Protein backbone atom coordinates (compact mmCIF):
# COMPACT_ATOMS: atom_id res chain seq x y z
CA MET A 1 44.10 -48.87 30.62
CA SER A 2 40.88 -49.98 29.70
CA ALA A 3 38.82 -48.03 27.34
CA GLN A 4 35.39 -47.60 28.04
CA VAL A 5 32.93 -48.06 25.43
CA SER A 6 29.64 -46.22 25.13
CA LYS A 7 26.56 -47.76 24.08
CA PRO A 8 24.81 -46.29 20.53
CA THR A 9 22.16 -44.22 21.03
CA VAL A 10 18.81 -45.65 19.70
CA ALA A 11 16.70 -42.91 18.07
CA ARG A 12 13.29 -43.55 19.55
CA ASP A 13 9.80 -42.61 17.78
CA PRO A 14 7.74 -40.16 19.15
CA ALA A 15 5.16 -41.10 21.29
CA PRO A 16 1.66 -41.63 19.46
CA GLY A 17 -0.07 -39.16 21.82
CA MET A 18 2.29 -36.33 20.64
CA VAL A 19 1.73 -36.62 17.33
CA GLU A 20 -1.91 -37.30 17.69
CA LYS A 21 -1.81 -33.86 19.69
CA ARG A 22 0.35 -32.13 17.35
CA GLY A 23 -2.18 -33.24 14.18
CA GLY A 24 -5.12 -32.01 16.07
CA SER A 25 -3.55 -28.66 16.91
CA LEU A 26 -2.90 -28.17 13.28
CA TRP A 27 -6.18 -29.20 12.18
CA LEU A 28 -7.60 -26.77 14.84
CA THR A 29 -5.44 -23.58 13.46
CA HIS A 30 -6.42 -24.50 9.51
CA LEU A 31 -10.01 -24.67 10.67
CA LEU A 32 -9.79 -21.20 12.89
CA MET A 33 -7.96 -19.52 9.67
CA ILE A 34 -10.46 -21.02 7.09
CA MET A 35 -13.21 -19.45 9.31
CA GLY A 36 -11.44 -16.21 9.42
CA VAL A 37 -11.05 -15.84 5.81
CA LEU A 38 -14.74 -16.80 4.92
CA VAL A 39 -15.90 -13.96 7.81
CA VAL A 40 -13.51 -11.54 5.85
CA PHE A 41 -14.22 -12.65 2.13
CA PHE A 42 -18.10 -12.60 2.61
CA PRO A 43 -18.76 -9.32 2.53
CA ILE A 44 -16.28 -8.76 -0.34
CA TRP A 45 -18.65 -11.85 -1.95
CA LEU A 46 -22.21 -10.16 -1.28
CA ALA A 47 -20.74 -6.99 -3.05
CA PHE A 48 -19.44 -8.75 -6.16
CA VAL A 49 -23.39 -10.40 -6.30
CA ALA A 50 -24.78 -7.19 -5.80
CA SER A 51 -22.79 -5.94 -8.82
CA THR A 52 -24.08 -8.52 -11.05
CA VAL A 53 -27.76 -8.43 -10.48
CA THR A 54 -30.56 -5.77 -10.90
CA GLN A 55 -31.70 -3.00 -8.74
CA PRO A 56 -35.03 -5.44 -7.87
CA GLU A 57 -32.88 -7.97 -6.88
CA ILE A 58 -30.96 -5.99 -3.98
CA VAL A 59 -34.03 -4.29 -2.38
CA SER A 60 -36.27 -7.28 -2.33
CA PRO A 61 -35.21 -9.48 0.33
CA PRO A 62 -33.96 -11.90 0.43
CA MET A 63 -30.85 -10.66 -1.23
CA PRO A 64 -29.21 -13.21 -3.53
CA VAL A 65 -25.98 -15.21 -2.81
CA LEU A 66 -25.35 -16.10 -6.10
CA PRO A 67 -23.98 -13.93 -9.14
CA GLY A 68 -26.42 -12.90 -11.64
CA GLY A 69 -26.60 -12.03 -15.71
CA HIS A 70 -25.94 -8.71 -15.50
CA PHE A 71 -22.20 -8.85 -14.79
CA ILE A 72 -21.29 -7.00 -18.31
CA GLU A 73 -24.16 -4.59 -18.18
CA ASN A 74 -23.45 -3.23 -14.72
CA TYR A 75 -19.85 -2.95 -14.96
CA SER A 76 -20.11 -1.48 -18.47
CA ARG A 77 -22.68 1.28 -16.95
CA ALA A 78 -20.23 1.92 -14.15
CA LEU A 79 -16.75 2.11 -16.21
CA PHE A 80 -18.27 4.43 -18.95
CA SER A 81 -21.06 6.13 -17.55
CA GLY A 82 -21.01 5.95 -14.14
CA VAL A 83 -23.60 8.07 -11.73
CA ASN A 84 -21.46 11.62 -11.76
CA VAL A 85 -18.20 10.79 -13.74
CA PRO A 86 -17.27 7.52 -15.25
CA VAL A 87 -15.20 5.16 -12.96
CA ALA A 88 -12.70 4.69 -15.59
CA ILE A 89 -11.71 8.55 -15.10
CA MET A 90 -11.54 8.27 -11.63
CA LEU A 91 -9.57 4.76 -11.57
CA LEU A 92 -7.25 6.66 -13.94
CA ASN A 93 -7.20 9.83 -10.97
CA SER A 94 -6.47 7.35 -8.35
CA LEU A 95 -3.84 5.70 -10.15
CA VAL A 96 -1.81 8.79 -10.97
CA MET A 97 -2.02 9.82 -7.64
CA ALA A 98 -0.94 6.76 -5.60
CA LEU A 99 2.08 5.94 -8.05
CA GLY A 100 2.93 9.75 -7.77
CA ILE A 101 3.16 9.60 -3.98
CA ALA A 102 4.63 6.31 -3.71
CA ILE A 103 7.21 7.14 -6.27
CA GLY A 104 7.59 10.43 -4.95
CA LYS A 105 8.31 9.39 -1.46
CA ILE A 106 10.55 6.76 -2.08
CA ALA A 107 12.97 9.03 -4.43
CA ILE A 108 13.13 11.75 -1.71
CA SER A 109 13.36 9.55 0.97
CA LEU A 110 16.60 7.69 -0.72
CA LEU A 111 18.18 10.88 -1.67
CA SER A 112 17.55 12.43 1.79
CA ALA A 113 18.97 9.59 3.32
CA PHE A 114 21.82 9.25 1.46
CA ALA A 115 22.90 12.92 1.94
CA ILE A 116 22.23 12.37 5.89
CA VAL A 117 24.65 9.30 6.25
CA TYR A 118 26.94 9.57 3.42
CA PHE A 119 27.93 13.35 3.16
CA LYS A 120 29.48 15.16 6.17
CA PHE A 121 28.16 18.58 6.56
CA PRO A 122 27.29 20.55 9.66
CA GLY A 123 24.09 19.95 11.08
CA ARG A 124 23.22 16.70 9.66
CA THR A 125 21.84 15.50 12.68
CA THR A 126 19.78 18.17 13.13
CA PHE A 127 18.65 18.48 9.92
CA PHE A 128 17.61 14.37 10.18
CA TRP A 129 15.55 14.80 13.45
CA MET A 130 13.84 18.13 11.74
CA ILE A 131 12.68 15.70 9.08
CA PHE A 132 11.62 12.91 11.71
CA ILE A 133 9.64 15.50 13.75
CA THR A 134 7.08 16.44 10.56
CA LEU A 135 5.78 12.66 11.73
CA MET A 136 3.78 14.63 14.61
CA LEU A 137 2.37 17.06 11.88
CA PRO A 138 0.31 14.95 9.27
CA VAL A 139 -1.48 16.71 6.29
CA GLU A 140 -4.77 16.94 8.40
CA VAL A 141 -2.65 18.99 10.92
CA ARG A 142 -1.43 21.21 8.44
CA ILE A 143 -4.03 21.47 5.78
CA VAL A 144 -5.12 25.04 5.95
CA PRO A 145 -1.67 26.10 5.10
CA THR A 146 -0.85 23.60 2.73
CA TYR A 147 -4.33 24.62 0.85
CA GLU A 148 -3.12 28.06 1.04
CA VAL A 149 0.24 27.02 -0.69
CA VAL A 150 -1.06 24.77 -3.47
CA ALA A 151 -4.09 27.37 -4.25
CA GLY A 152 -1.04 30.20 -4.50
CA PHE A 153 0.68 28.54 -6.88
CA GLY A 154 -2.35 27.41 -8.86
CA MET A 155 -2.53 24.09 -8.66
CA LEU A 156 -6.30 23.17 -7.66
CA ASN A 157 -7.60 20.87 -9.68
CA SER A 158 -4.71 19.23 -11.09
CA TYR A 159 -2.44 15.93 -10.48
CA SER A 160 0.81 18.11 -9.34
CA GLY A 161 -1.70 19.34 -6.48
CA LEU A 162 -2.94 16.13 -5.51
CA ILE A 163 0.63 14.59 -5.23
CA PHE A 164 3.13 17.14 -4.39
CA PRO A 165 1.90 17.89 -0.79
CA LEU A 166 2.09 14.38 0.04
CA ILE A 167 5.21 13.18 -1.23
CA ALA A 168 7.48 14.16 1.72
CA SER A 169 7.93 10.95 3.96
CA ALA A 170 9.69 11.24 7.38
CA THR A 171 8.76 7.52 8.04
CA ALA A 172 10.85 6.32 4.77
CA THR A 173 13.67 8.79 5.29
CA PHE A 174 14.29 7.01 8.79
CA LEU A 175 14.13 3.37 7.48
CA PHE A 176 16.34 4.09 4.43
CA ARG A 177 18.84 6.00 7.00
CA GLN A 178 18.61 3.29 9.54
CA PHE A 179 19.37 0.50 6.52
CA PHE A 180 22.30 2.72 4.90
CA MET A 181 24.02 2.94 8.31
CA THR A 182 24.23 -1.06 8.38
CA VAL A 183 26.11 -0.77 4.66
CA PRO A 184 29.59 -1.77 5.63
CA ASP A 185 32.08 1.09 5.11
CA GLU A 186 34.33 -0.88 3.34
CA LEU A 187 31.83 -0.71 0.21
CA ALA A 188 32.01 3.18 0.11
CA GLU A 189 35.81 2.92 0.16
CA ALA A 190 35.96 0.31 -2.29
CA ALA A 191 33.79 2.46 -4.82
CA ARG A 192 36.21 5.39 -3.90
CA VAL A 193 39.15 3.70 -4.99
CA ASP A 194 37.71 2.64 -8.12
CA GLY A 195 37.01 5.97 -8.93
CA ALA A 196 33.30 6.23 -8.64
CA GLY A 197 31.68 9.39 -7.59
CA PRO A 198 28.80 9.05 -4.81
CA MET A 199 25.76 9.16 -7.49
CA ARG A 200 27.51 6.36 -9.07
CA PHE A 201 27.95 4.45 -5.55
CA PHE A 202 24.60 5.37 -5.04
CA TYR A 203 22.73 3.96 -8.14
CA ASP A 204 25.07 0.93 -8.56
CA ILE A 205 25.31 -0.20 -5.09
CA LEU A 206 23.17 1.53 -2.71
CA LEU A 207 19.89 1.07 -4.87
CA PRO A 208 20.27 -2.67 -5.58
CA MET A 209 20.98 -3.71 -1.89
CA SER A 210 17.77 -1.87 -1.29
CA ARG A 211 15.71 -3.34 -3.50
CA THR A 212 13.31 -5.19 -0.65
CA ASN A 213 12.97 -2.02 1.37
CA ILE A 214 11.63 -0.30 -1.87
CA ALA A 215 9.29 -2.85 -2.53
CA ALA A 216 7.93 -3.09 0.91
CA LEU A 217 7.31 0.81 0.92
CA PHE A 218 5.70 0.68 -2.46
CA VAL A 219 3.25 -1.47 -1.71
CA ILE A 220 2.41 0.41 1.65
CA LEU A 221 2.70 4.04 0.27
CA PHE A 222 0.65 2.94 -2.83
CA ILE A 223 -2.24 2.07 -0.92
CA TYR A 224 -1.93 5.18 1.24
CA GLY A 225 -2.25 6.95 -1.64
CA TRP A 226 -4.85 5.06 -3.06
CA ASN A 227 -7.16 5.66 -0.09
CA GLN A 228 -6.88 9.34 0.36
CA TYR A 229 -9.96 10.98 0.76
CA LEU A 230 -9.69 14.40 2.64
CA TRP A 231 -7.02 16.20 0.35
CA PRO A 232 -8.22 15.30 -2.69
CA LEU A 233 -12.09 16.23 -1.61
CA LEU A 234 -10.43 19.55 -0.37
CA ILE A 235 -8.42 20.84 -3.45
CA THR A 236 -10.78 19.03 -6.13
CA THR A 237 -13.52 20.67 -7.44
CA ASP A 238 -13.77 19.73 -10.94
CA PRO A 239 -15.70 16.21 -11.02
CA GLU A 240 -13.15 15.16 -13.67
CA MET A 241 -10.40 15.28 -11.35
CA ASN A 242 -12.43 12.92 -8.60
CA THR A 243 -10.49 9.98 -7.16
CA ILE A 244 -12.33 6.43 -6.66
CA VAL A 245 -12.86 7.11 -3.03
CA MET A 246 -14.47 10.29 -3.71
CA GLY A 247 -16.64 8.69 -6.15
CA ILE A 248 -17.85 6.21 -4.30
CA LYS A 249 -18.88 8.58 -1.13
CA GLN A 250 -20.29 10.66 -3.73
CA MET A 251 -22.62 7.99 -5.48
CA PHE A 252 -24.80 7.70 -2.56
CA PRO A 253 -27.73 9.98 -2.88
CA SER A 254 -28.90 12.37 -0.71
CA GLY A 255 -32.69 13.01 0.53
CA ASP A 256 -35.30 10.55 -0.94
CA ASP A 257 -33.27 9.78 -3.91
CA THR A 258 -32.75 5.84 -4.79
CA ALA A 259 -29.16 4.63 -4.45
CA ASP A 260 -28.05 2.72 -8.02
CA TRP A 261 -26.90 -0.37 -5.87
CA PRO A 262 -25.28 -2.50 -8.61
CA VAL A 263 -23.28 0.32 -10.10
CA ILE A 264 -22.19 1.19 -6.55
CA MET A 265 -21.09 -2.16 -5.76
CA ALA A 266 -19.46 -2.39 -9.54
CA THR A 267 -17.37 0.50 -8.44
CA SER A 268 -16.50 -1.06 -4.92
CA ILE A 269 -15.31 -3.85 -6.63
CA LEU A 270 -13.13 -2.24 -9.12
CA ALA A 271 -11.57 0.02 -6.85
CA MET A 272 -9.97 -2.75 -5.01
CA ILE A 273 -8.58 -4.23 -7.94
CA PRO A 274 -5.48 -2.08 -8.44
CA PRO A 275 -4.32 -2.45 -4.66
CA VAL A 276 -5.07 -6.24 -4.76
CA ILE A 277 -2.54 -6.34 -8.08
CA VAL A 278 -0.10 -4.35 -6.34
CA VAL A 279 0.04 -6.63 -2.98
CA ILE A 280 -0.22 -9.87 -5.15
CA SER A 281 2.58 -8.98 -7.49
CA MET A 282 5.10 -7.75 -5.01
CA GLN A 283 4.25 -9.96 -2.22
CA LYS A 284 7.67 -12.05 -2.09
CA LEU A 285 9.57 -8.71 -1.92
CA PHE A 286 7.04 -7.18 0.74
CA ILE A 287 7.72 -9.91 3.10
CA ARG A 288 11.33 -10.48 2.51
CA GLY A 289 11.68 -6.17 2.98
CA LEU A 290 9.74 -6.37 6.22
CA VAL A 291 11.38 -9.77 7.77
CA ASP A 292 14.67 -10.26 6.19
CA SER A 293 17.56 -9.21 8.09
CA GLU A 294 20.28 -10.08 5.35
CA LYS A 295 19.44 -7.58 2.60
């Protein structure tokens, strides 16, 4: 019986045309990305330039496209003087509100999802769907009764009034519930055998496993809280409680008054810095929380 010898396979170089085509497509992709970045970044650059020049240089065409020499002066005026309220106070108010909303939503959603998944009680599925249905009732829909409740508790012009009505989140509860349902039951059984109670299991096992989910939600919820305009506008009458988004809107004059454009543009740039810092500092965890399936 003769053995049949197969010929060794010889690796062939890819055709030159394929390499050139791939290289041309790569250059075109990068060119389109650079053009997109320039289109998005150009208005931000103009705002930064306007925050470093004087009022006559802005209103007299052509508008400069290179930074001026009044950076420290304009930003100092914005931070410590402002138009109505110093920007430093409004930044603090927005920071407290955004952190309170993000941390409060995550904490409540974690605990509610943990209770729904790991505690067996009558009607837990009904309670979950009651929470989920609140997605159809955003704060804009229930703003009048919410305002009455906040006013009745005396929380107008306060951080509690800015934060508490917005910290319930059906979306975060749903996401944490879906994640907890993928955790193997053997982990809960092992924790029970080791004598760990429910909260010990929650803190030592579930929380570390939820780190990427928490980071992704924190970024989204922080920006959500930072950009709030309607609710703070409704419940704050004291200028000292204005948020930065409200402050920018109130800086624009009414009637024939002249806008202080350098201060307005400096305030706009300052308002972008905290969300950018949060996104950049948590970028890796944010991406893993959105796309990583092996949490």
